[in-house]
Amino acid sequence: MNANAPHTDRRADRHADGHATDTTHFGFREVPVAEKQRLVGQVFSSVARSYDLMNDLMSFGIHRLWKRYFVATAGVRRGDRVLDLAGGTGDIAALLHERVGDTGEVVLGDINGDMLRVGRDRLTDRGLVRGLHYVQLNAEALPFPDGHFDTVTIAFGLRNVTDKQAALGEMQRVLKVGGRALVLEFSEVRPAWFRPIYDFHSFQVLPRLGRLFAGDADSYRYLAESIRRHPPQDALKAMMERAGFSRCGYRNLSGGIVAIHSGCKA
């Protein structure tokens, strides 16, 4: 893919009567745009209680180290106001909360109510209450004013958004001038020799483990497929630039299995 060309998840299919219907990908399937949000919602409602197990199976447990590194290098300071999108079960929000301290604020946002409840319950059980807020929201239309946050993060969630370009634009809009957006996401594996091994784990091993440990092979198969349909490193960097971010860059971790993308609001 040409990194300078616009990357879109949407395309128009023409029916026999001549009218066009916008479609997008759901894993390796093409579905109507209006259907993807519902289908993704079903996946995450299904895996909400086993989400950390899912990430352990997908990453061999290394996701915990990736997340700690992601937050440690985010530049978040005491007193900052941070939005964590697709915050899921709250592990990123908890790490951010340690850094903003009692004078800061972390908003955990997720489109899926089941995931949001799991995150809220877990953090509350840990005694993390002050400075944490929970909002059910759509990343494509954030319910916050312009220039509201010092940092916006999204970890392992952007690939499930229907209109990624719209979500990146919203992240840029709600940032203060000088604020940073950070995206942690599965990406394109760089060592060619490792790709067959990675594919075998993703498409043969992972669904079987999902069936064994969570009773749900299909959701795990979708999650593996969604990684392959996500824009690779240079394409996502170009998308962030089109969203209005400056000083965009990325850092590969574990040979490109994941990458941390960053951009600033000029």
Protein backbone atom coordinates (compact mmCIF):
# COMPACT_ATOMS: atom_id res chain seq x y z
CA MET A 1 0.00 0.00 0.00
CA ASN A 2 1.18 3.49 -0.81
CA ALA A 3 1.53 5.27 2.54
CA ASN A 4 0.80 8.61 0.86
CA ALA A 5 -2.53 7.49 -0.54
CA PRO A 6 -5.67 7.85 1.59
CA HIS A 7 -6.46 4.67 3.51
CA THR A 8 -10.16 4.00 4.00
CA ASP A 9 -12.16 1.17 5.48
CA ARG A 10 -15.18 2.07 3.35
CA ARG A 11 -16.12 1.33 -0.24
CA ALA A 12 -19.30 1.59 -2.28
CA ASP A 13 -20.96 -1.55 -3.68
CA ARG A 14 -23.51 -1.07 -6.45
CA HIS A 15 -26.71 -3.11 -6.46
CA ALA A 16 -28.60 -4.31 -9.52
CA ASP A 17 -30.90 -1.30 -9.34
CA GLY A 18 -27.89 1.02 -9.55
CA HIS A 19 -27.86 2.46 -6.04
CA ALA A 20 -24.71 2.26 -3.96
CA THR A 21 -24.30 0.96 -0.41
CA ASP A 22 -21.26 1.86 1.66
CA THR A 23 -19.50 -1.20 3.00
CA THR A 24 -16.56 -1.75 5.29
CA HIS A 25 -14.63 -4.71 6.57
CA PHE A 26 -15.51 -6.82 9.57
CA GLY A 27 -12.47 -9.03 9.76
CA PHE A 28 -12.15 -10.48 6.26
CA ARG A 29 -15.87 -9.97 5.49
CA GLU A 30 -17.41 -6.96 3.78
CA VAL A 31 -20.47 -5.69 5.63
CA PRO A 32 -22.66 -2.57 5.42
CA VAL A 33 -21.10 0.33 7.31
CA ALA A 34 -24.16 0.57 9.55
CA GLU A 35 -23.71 -3.06 10.59
CA LYS A 36 -20.07 -3.01 11.68
CA GLN A 37 -20.65 -1.20 14.97
CA ARG A 38 -23.27 -3.76 15.99
CA LEU A 39 -21.09 -6.72 14.99
CA VAL A 40 -18.04 -5.37 16.81
CA GLY A 41 -20.26 -4.72 19.82
CA GLN A 42 -21.33 -8.35 19.86
CA VAL A 43 -17.69 -9.47 19.80
CA PHE A 44 -16.66 -7.33 22.74
CA SER A 45 -19.77 -8.08 24.77
CA SER A 46 -18.87 -11.74 24.28
CA VAL A 47 -15.24 -11.36 25.37
CA ALA A 48 -15.64 -8.61 28.01
CA ARG A 49 -15.05 -10.92 30.98
CA SER A 50 -12.19 -12.75 29.30
CA TYR A 51 -10.60 -9.72 27.62
CA ASP A 52 -7.30 -9.87 29.50
CA LEU A 53 -7.12 -13.60 28.79
CA MET A 54 -7.72 -12.80 25.11
CA ASN A 55 -4.80 -10.36 25.08
CA ASP A 56 -2.60 -12.90 26.85
CA LEU A 57 -3.44 -15.48 24.16
CA MET A 58 -2.90 -13.01 21.31
CA SER A 59 0.41 -11.63 22.57
CA PHE A 60 1.87 -14.46 24.67
CA GLY A 61 1.31 -12.21 27.69
CA ILE A 62 3.63 -9.49 26.41
CA HIS A 63 0.76 -6.99 26.09
CA ARG A 64 1.23 -6.12 29.75
CA LEU A 65 4.78 -4.94 29.07
CA TRP A 66 3.71 -3.07 25.90
CA LYS A 67 1.04 -1.20 27.85
CA ARG A 68 3.42 -0.21 30.64
CA TYR A 69 5.96 1.05 28.11
CA PHE A 70 3.19 2.88 26.21
CA VAL A 71 2.12 4.82 29.30
CA ALA A 72 5.66 5.32 30.62
CA THR A 73 6.69 7.04 27.36
CA ALA A 74 3.45 9.03 26.91
CA GLY A 75 4.77 12.16 28.63
CA VAL A 76 1.75 12.34 30.94
CA ARG A 77 2.39 14.53 34.00
CA ARG A 78 0.77 15.16 37.37
CA GLY A 79 -2.37 17.25 37.07
CA ASP A 80 -2.97 16.38 33.40
CA ARG A 81 -6.40 15.64 31.97
CA VAL A 82 -6.25 12.47 29.86
CA LEU A 83 -8.81 10.68 27.69
CA ASP A 84 -8.31 6.93 27.21
CA LEU A 85 -10.45 5.76 24.29
CA ALA A 86 -11.57 2.15 23.88
CA GLY A 87 -10.47 1.89 27.50
CA GLY A 88 -12.02 -1.52 27.93
CA THR A 89 -11.16 -3.21 31.18
CA GLY A 90 -9.26 -0.21 32.53
CA ASP A 91 -5.64 -1.36 32.54
CA ILE A 92 -4.38 1.67 30.61
CA ALA A 93 -6.55 4.03 32.68
CA ALA A 94 -5.09 2.59 35.89
CA LEU A 95 -1.53 3.19 34.67
CA LEU A 96 -2.43 6.72 33.57
CA HIS A 97 -4.07 7.41 36.94
CA GLU A 98 -0.77 6.69 38.69
CA ARG A 99 0.88 9.42 36.61
CA VAL A 100 -1.73 12.20 36.76
CA GLY A 101 -2.09 11.83 40.54
CA ASP A 102 -4.86 13.18 42.73
CA THR A 103 -4.87 16.54 40.97
CA GLY A 104 -5.32 15.05 37.50
CA GLU A 105 -8.20 13.42 35.69
CA VAL A 106 -8.54 10.29 33.56
CA VAL A 107 -11.65 9.74 31.47
CA LEU A 108 -12.13 6.12 30.41
CA GLY A 109 -14.29 6.00 27.30
CA ASP A 110 -15.63 2.97 25.47
CA ILE A 111 -18.47 2.40 23.03
CA ASN A 112 -19.30 -0.96 24.60
CA GLY A 113 -21.25 -0.82 27.87
CA ASP A 114 -20.21 -4.33 28.93
CA MET A 115 -16.52 -3.50 28.57
CA LEU A 116 -17.01 -0.19 30.36
CA ARG A 117 -18.71 -1.87 33.31
CA VAL A 118 -15.91 -4.42 33.62
CA GLY A 119 -13.33 -1.62 33.68
CA ARG A 120 -15.29 0.47 36.21
CA ASP A 121 -15.82 -2.50 38.53
CA ARG A 122 -12.18 -3.55 38.39
CA LEU A 123 -10.80 -0.11 39.12
CA THR A 124 -13.35 0.51 41.86
CA ASP A 125 -12.43 -2.82 43.47
CA ARG A 126 -8.81 -1.63 43.48
CA GLY A 127 -9.86 1.52 45.32
CA LEU A 128 -9.23 3.78 42.32
CA VAL A 129 -12.08 6.28 42.49
CA ARG A 130 -10.88 9.87 42.70
CA GLY A 131 -10.06 11.48 39.36
CA LEU A 132 -11.52 8.64 37.26
CA HIS A 133 -14.61 9.08 35.10
CA TYR A 134 -16.39 6.65 32.77
CA VAL A 135 -18.20 7.65 29.58
CA GLN A 136 -19.91 5.43 27.02
CA LEU A 137 -19.07 7.10 23.73
CA ASN A 138 -18.35 6.71 20.05
CA ALA A 139 -14.77 7.64 19.14
CA GLU A 140 -16.03 9.07 15.84
CA ALA A 141 -18.08 11.77 17.64
CA LEU A 142 -16.60 12.61 21.03
CA PRO A 143 -18.87 14.41 23.53
CA PHE A 144 -16.21 16.86 24.68
CA PRO A 145 -15.41 20.47 23.75
CA ASP A 146 -12.44 21.50 21.64
CA GLY A 147 -9.09 21.64 23.41
CA HIS A 148 -10.23 19.76 26.51
CA PHE A 149 -7.45 17.19 27.09
CA ASP A 150 -3.68 17.23 27.51
CA THR A 151 -3.33 13.70 26.11
CA VAL A 152 -5.57 11.25 24.28
CA THR A 153 -4.65 7.56 24.19
CA ILE A 154 -6.17 4.54 22.48
CA ALA A 155 -4.71 1.06 22.95
CA PHE A 156 -5.79 -1.90 20.83
CA GLY A 157 -9.01 -0.16 19.89
CA LEU A 158 -8.51 1.90 16.75
CA ARG A 159 -8.65 -1.11 14.45
CA ASN A 160 -12.22 -1.80 15.60
CA VAL A 161 -13.48 1.71 14.82
CA THR A 162 -15.60 1.90 11.67
CA ASP A 163 -14.28 5.28 10.47
CA LYS A 164 -10.72 5.53 11.74
CA GLN A 165 -10.06 8.83 9.99
CA ALA A 166 -13.04 10.43 11.74
CA ALA A 167 -11.83 9.11 15.10
CA LEU A 168 -8.35 10.52 14.56
CA GLY A 169 -9.89 13.87 13.64
CA GLU A 170 -11.92 13.86 16.86
CA MET A 171 -8.85 13.01 18.90
CA GLN A 172 -7.08 16.01 17.37
CA ARG A 173 -10.08 18.27 18.00
CA VAL A 174 -10.40 17.57 21.74
CA LEU A 175 -6.67 18.01 22.41
CA LYS A 176 -5.23 21.23 23.75
CA VAL A 177 -2.64 22.97 21.60
CA GLY A 178 0.61 21.15 22.30
CA GLY A 179 -1.25 18.01 23.42
CA ARG A 180 -0.39 14.53 22.18
CA ALA A 181 -2.35 11.64 20.76
CA LEU A 182 -0.92 8.16 21.23
CA VAL A 183 -2.07 4.99 19.52
CA LEU A 184 -0.92 1.53 20.60
CA GLU A 185 -2.06 -1.05 18.08
CA PHE A 186 -1.19 -4.36 16.52
CA SER A 187 0.62 -3.62 13.28
CA GLU A 188 2.55 -5.17 10.42
CA VAL A 189 5.22 -7.66 11.43
CA ARG A 190 8.51 -6.61 9.84
CA PRO A 191 10.80 -9.70 9.85
CA ALA A 192 9.62 -11.69 6.82
CA TRP A 193 10.75 -14.98 8.33
CA PHE A 194 8.46 -14.48 11.34
CA ARG A 195 5.25 -13.81 9.39
CA PRO A 196 4.31 -17.47 8.69
CA ILE A 197 4.77 -18.30 12.38
CA TYR A 198 2.68 -15.29 13.40
CA ASP A 199 -0.05 -16.19 10.88
CA PHE A 200 -0.17 -19.77 12.13
CA HIS A 201 -0.59 -18.58 15.71
CA SER A 202 -3.24 -16.02 14.72
CA PHE A 203 -5.44 -18.15 12.49
CA GLN A 204 -4.87 -21.71 13.66
CA VAL A 205 -3.88 -21.57 17.32
CA LEU A 206 -5.74 -18.50 18.62
CA PRO A 207 -9.31 -19.53 17.63
CA ARG A 208 -8.76 -22.96 19.19
CA LEU A 209 -7.49 -21.37 22.40
CA GLY A 210 -10.50 -19.04 22.34
CA ARG A 211 -12.84 -22.01 22.10
CA LEU A 212 -10.98 -23.87 24.85
CA PHE A 213 -10.62 -21.05 27.38
CA ALA A 214 -13.51 -18.72 26.56
CA GLY A 215 -15.94 -20.91 24.63
CA ASP A 216 -15.80 -18.47 21.70
CA ALA A 217 -13.67 -19.25 18.65
CA ASP A 218 -15.44 -16.84 16.27
CA SER A 219 -14.70 -13.67 18.25
CA TYR A 220 -11.03 -14.58 18.51
CA ARG A 221 -10.91 -15.32 14.78
CA TYR A 222 -12.40 -11.88 14.06
CA LEU A 223 -9.82 -10.19 16.28
CA ALA A 224 -6.98 -11.88 14.40
CA GLU A 225 -8.52 -10.87 11.07
CA SER A 226 -9.02 -7.28 12.23
CA ILE A 227 -5.28 -6.98 12.86
CA ARG A 228 -4.54 -7.90 9.24
CA ARG A 229 -7.03 -5.33 7.95
CA HIS A 230 -5.63 -2.51 10.08
CA PRO A 231 -3.49 0.10 8.27
CA PRO A 232 0.23 -0.71 8.53
CA GLN A 233 2.67 1.69 10.13
CA ASP A 234 3.31 4.18 7.34
CA ALA A 235 -0.36 4.27 6.28
CA LEU A 236 -1.51 5.05 9.80
CA LYS A 237 1.14 7.74 10.13
CA ALA A 238 -0.23 9.35 6.96
CA MET A 239 -3.75 9.18 8.35
CA MET A 240 -2.67 11.01 11.49
CA GLU A 241 -1.06 13.70 9.37
CA ARG A 242 -4.30 14.12 7.38
CA ALA A 243 -6.17 14.46 10.69
CA GLY A 244 -4.09 17.56 11.42
CA PHE A 245 -1.39 16.15 13.70
CA SER A 246 2.19 17.37 13.46
CA ARG A 247 5.45 15.61 14.33
CA CYS A 248 3.85 12.25 13.62
CA GLY A 249 5.93 9.14 14.11
CA TYR A 250 5.85 5.57 15.28
CA ARG A 251 7.98 3.12 17.19
CA ASN A 252 7.81 -0.60 16.47
CA LEU A 253 7.78 -3.00 19.41
CA SER A 254 8.52 -6.73 19.18
CA GLY A 255 9.43 -6.56 15.51
CA GLY A 256 6.32 -4.64 14.50
CA ILE A 257 3.79 -6.97 16.13
CA VAL A 258 2.62 -3.72 17.69
CA ALA A 259 3.55 -0.09 17.11
CA ILE A 260 3.14 3.09 19.13
CA HIS A 261 2.03 6.02 16.96
CA SER A 262 2.19 9.59 18.19
CA GLY A 263 1.20 13.00 16.96
CA CYS A 264 0.98 16.52 18.39
CA LYS A 265 -1.60 19.25 18.03
CA ALA A 266 0.29 22.24 16.70
